Amino acid sequence: MTILEIERGDEQARLIAEQNDRFRTSWGADASVPGRIVMTPGVADLGPLALLRLIVAVRNFDAFSADNDPWGQRDFGIVAVGQGGETVRVYFKIDLYDADYTFGSEAPEDPERTRRVLTLLLPEEY
């Protein structure tokens, strides 16, 4: 890999990370980074109060590290919320699709050609 290829990859990762942050922190309300938010049946079963806590936790998440973000795209995290006297861990994952949500995006740094899907899931559903 050449220095130029590494620099292009770093710039692409920086752009994707910035867009993923805008999508995640706006909970999909920022129209400049279109996408959807979905959840697995296990997360849905936690109920509406837990879901509200999850929304806040995901929007506020900033503990990205080399362990949970090796590519620097800020597309994965683990949050914890209280539920019925217990702490429940939930993963969030952002995937990048083409404009039809059919295939992976060929230009993931281009928000006009990319759609994000943020999925909330329990670790056992991964």
Protein backbone atom coordinates (compact mmCIF):
# COMPACT_ATOMS: atom_id res chain seq x y z
CA MET A 1 0.00 0.00 0.00
CA THR A 2 1.33 3.42 -0.91
CA ILE A 3 1.36 6.52 1.29
CA LEU A 4 -1.31 8.04 -0.97
CA GLU A 5 -3.58 5.01 -0.52
CA ILE A 6 -3.12 5.18 3.25
CA GLU A 7 -3.93 8.90 3.26
CA ARG A 8 -7.05 8.31 1.13
CA GLY A 9 -8.15 5.56 3.51
CA ASP A 10 -7.58 7.80 6.53
CA GLU A 11 -9.58 10.62 4.95
CA GLN A 12 -12.40 8.24 4.00
CA ALA A 13 -12.50 6.86 7.55
CA ARG A 14 -12.56 10.40 8.97
CA LEU A 15 -15.49 11.38 6.71
CA ILE A 16 -17.42 8.20 7.53
CA ALA A 17 -16.79 8.67 11.25
CA GLU A 18 -18.03 12.26 11.14
CA GLN A 19 -21.17 11.22 9.24
CA ASN A 20 -21.79 8.24 11.56
CA ASP A 21 -21.49 10.57 14.55
CA ARG A 22 -24.02 12.99 13.04
CA PHE A 23 -26.42 10.14 12.28
CA ARG A 24 -26.03 8.54 15.72
CA THR A 25 -26.17 11.72 17.79
CA SER A 26 -29.19 13.09 15.89
CA TRP A 27 -30.88 9.67 16.13
CA GLY A 28 -31.34 9.75 12.36
CA ALA A 29 -32.95 13.21 12.30
CA ASP A 30 -30.07 14.86 10.38
CA ALA A 31 -31.28 14.68 6.77
CA SER A 32 -27.74 15.20 5.48
CA VAL A 33 -26.92 11.61 6.54
CA PRO A 34 -30.02 9.58 5.66
CA GLY A 35 -30.76 6.21 7.15
CA ARG A 36 -32.88 4.01 9.37
CA ILE A 37 -32.76 2.80 12.94
CA VAL A 38 -33.87 -0.75 13.67
CA MET A 39 -33.84 -3.10 16.63
CA THR A 40 -33.92 -6.80 17.19
CA PRO A 41 -36.85 -8.53 18.93
CA GLY A 42 -34.81 -8.83 22.14
CA VAL A 43 -34.28 -5.06 22.31
CA ALA A 44 -37.96 -4.41 21.51
CA ASP A 45 -38.94 -6.72 24.38
CA LEU A 46 -37.08 -4.48 26.84
CA GLY A 47 -39.99 -2.05 26.64
CA PRO A 48 -40.46 1.66 25.98
CA LEU A 49 -38.67 3.00 29.07
CA ALA A 50 -35.54 0.95 28.33
CA LEU A 51 -35.71 2.08 24.71
CA LEU A 52 -35.75 5.73 25.79
CA ARG A 53 -32.71 5.08 27.97
CA LEU A 54 -31.01 3.33 25.04
CA ILE A 55 -31.62 6.27 22.74
CA VAL A 56 -29.95 8.61 25.22
CA ALA A 57 -27.06 6.20 25.82
CA VAL A 58 -26.36 5.66 22.11
CA ARG A 59 -26.62 9.36 21.29
CA ASN A 60 -24.20 10.22 24.11
CA PHE A 61 -21.77 7.36 23.49
CA ASP A 62 -18.22 8.61 22.98
CA ALA A 63 -16.05 5.77 24.30
CA PHE A 64 -14.62 4.80 20.93
CA SER A 65 -11.25 3.09 21.13
CA ALA A 66 -8.95 0.89 19.08
CA ASP A 67 -10.70 -2.11 20.66
CA ASN A 68 -14.24 -1.24 19.56
CA ASP A 69 -13.41 0.99 16.56
CA PRO A 70 -10.35 -0.49 14.79
CA TRP A 71 -11.15 1.19 11.45
CA GLY A 72 -11.85 4.61 12.97
CA GLN A 73 -15.37 4.83 11.52
CA ARG A 74 -17.29 5.07 14.83
CA ASP A 75 -19.73 2.40 13.71
CA PHE A 76 -19.98 0.15 16.78
CA GLY A 77 -20.42 0.54 20.51
CA ILE A 78 -21.74 -1.13 23.63
CA VAL A 79 -24.05 0.71 26.01
CA ALA A 80 -25.71 -0.41 29.23
CA VAL A 81 -29.10 0.54 30.62
CA GLY A 82 -30.97 -0.30 33.78
CA GLN A 83 -33.94 -2.61 33.28
CA GLY A 84 -35.95 -4.15 36.11
CA GLY A 85 -33.14 -3.81 38.65
CA GLU A 86 -30.58 -5.30 36.27
CA THR A 87 -28.10 -3.80 33.85
CA VAL A 88 -28.63 -4.81 30.25
CA ARG A 89 -25.85 -4.46 27.70
CA VAL A 90 -26.88 -3.52 24.17
CA TYR A 91 -24.75 -3.28 21.03
CA PHE A 92 -25.26 -0.66 18.37
CA LYS A 93 -23.87 -1.14 14.87
CA ILE A 94 -24.00 1.22 11.89
CA ASP A 95 -23.87 -0.41 8.45
CA LEU A 96 -23.53 1.49 5.17
CA TYR A 97 -25.77 0.58 2.22
CA ASP A 98 -26.45 1.88 -1.25
CA ALA A 99 -29.37 4.29 -1.77
CA ASP A 100 -31.80 1.36 -2.21
CA TYR A 101 -30.67 -0.45 0.98
CA THR A 102 -29.84 -3.46 -1.18
CA PHE A 103 -26.05 -3.71 -1.25
CA GLY A 104 -23.10 -2.25 0.58
CA SER A 105 -22.33 1.31 -0.47
CA GLU A 106 -19.76 1.68 -3.24
CA ALA A 107 -19.00 5.20 -1.97
CA PRO A 108 -19.45 5.00 1.81
CA GLU A 109 -18.01 8.48 2.35
CA ASP A 110 -20.64 10.03 0.03
CA PRO A 111 -23.90 10.66 1.93
CA GLU A 112 -25.81 11.18 -1.32
CA ARG A 113 -25.04 7.59 -2.35
CA THR A 114 -25.05 5.99 1.09
CA ARG A 115 -27.77 5.05 3.56
CA ARG A 116 -27.03 4.16 7.14
CA VAL A 117 -28.74 1.47 9.18
CA LEU A 118 -28.16 1.67 12.92
CA THR A 119 -29.12 -1.63 14.56
CA LEU A 120 -29.69 -2.10 18.27
CA LEU A 121 -29.17 -5.69 19.40
CA LEU A 122 -28.51 -7.74 22.48
CA PRO A 123 -25.11 -9.50 22.62
CA GLU A 124 -26.79 -12.91 22.43
CA GLU A 125 -28.54 -11.84 19.21
CA TYR A 126 -25.27 -11.02 17.46
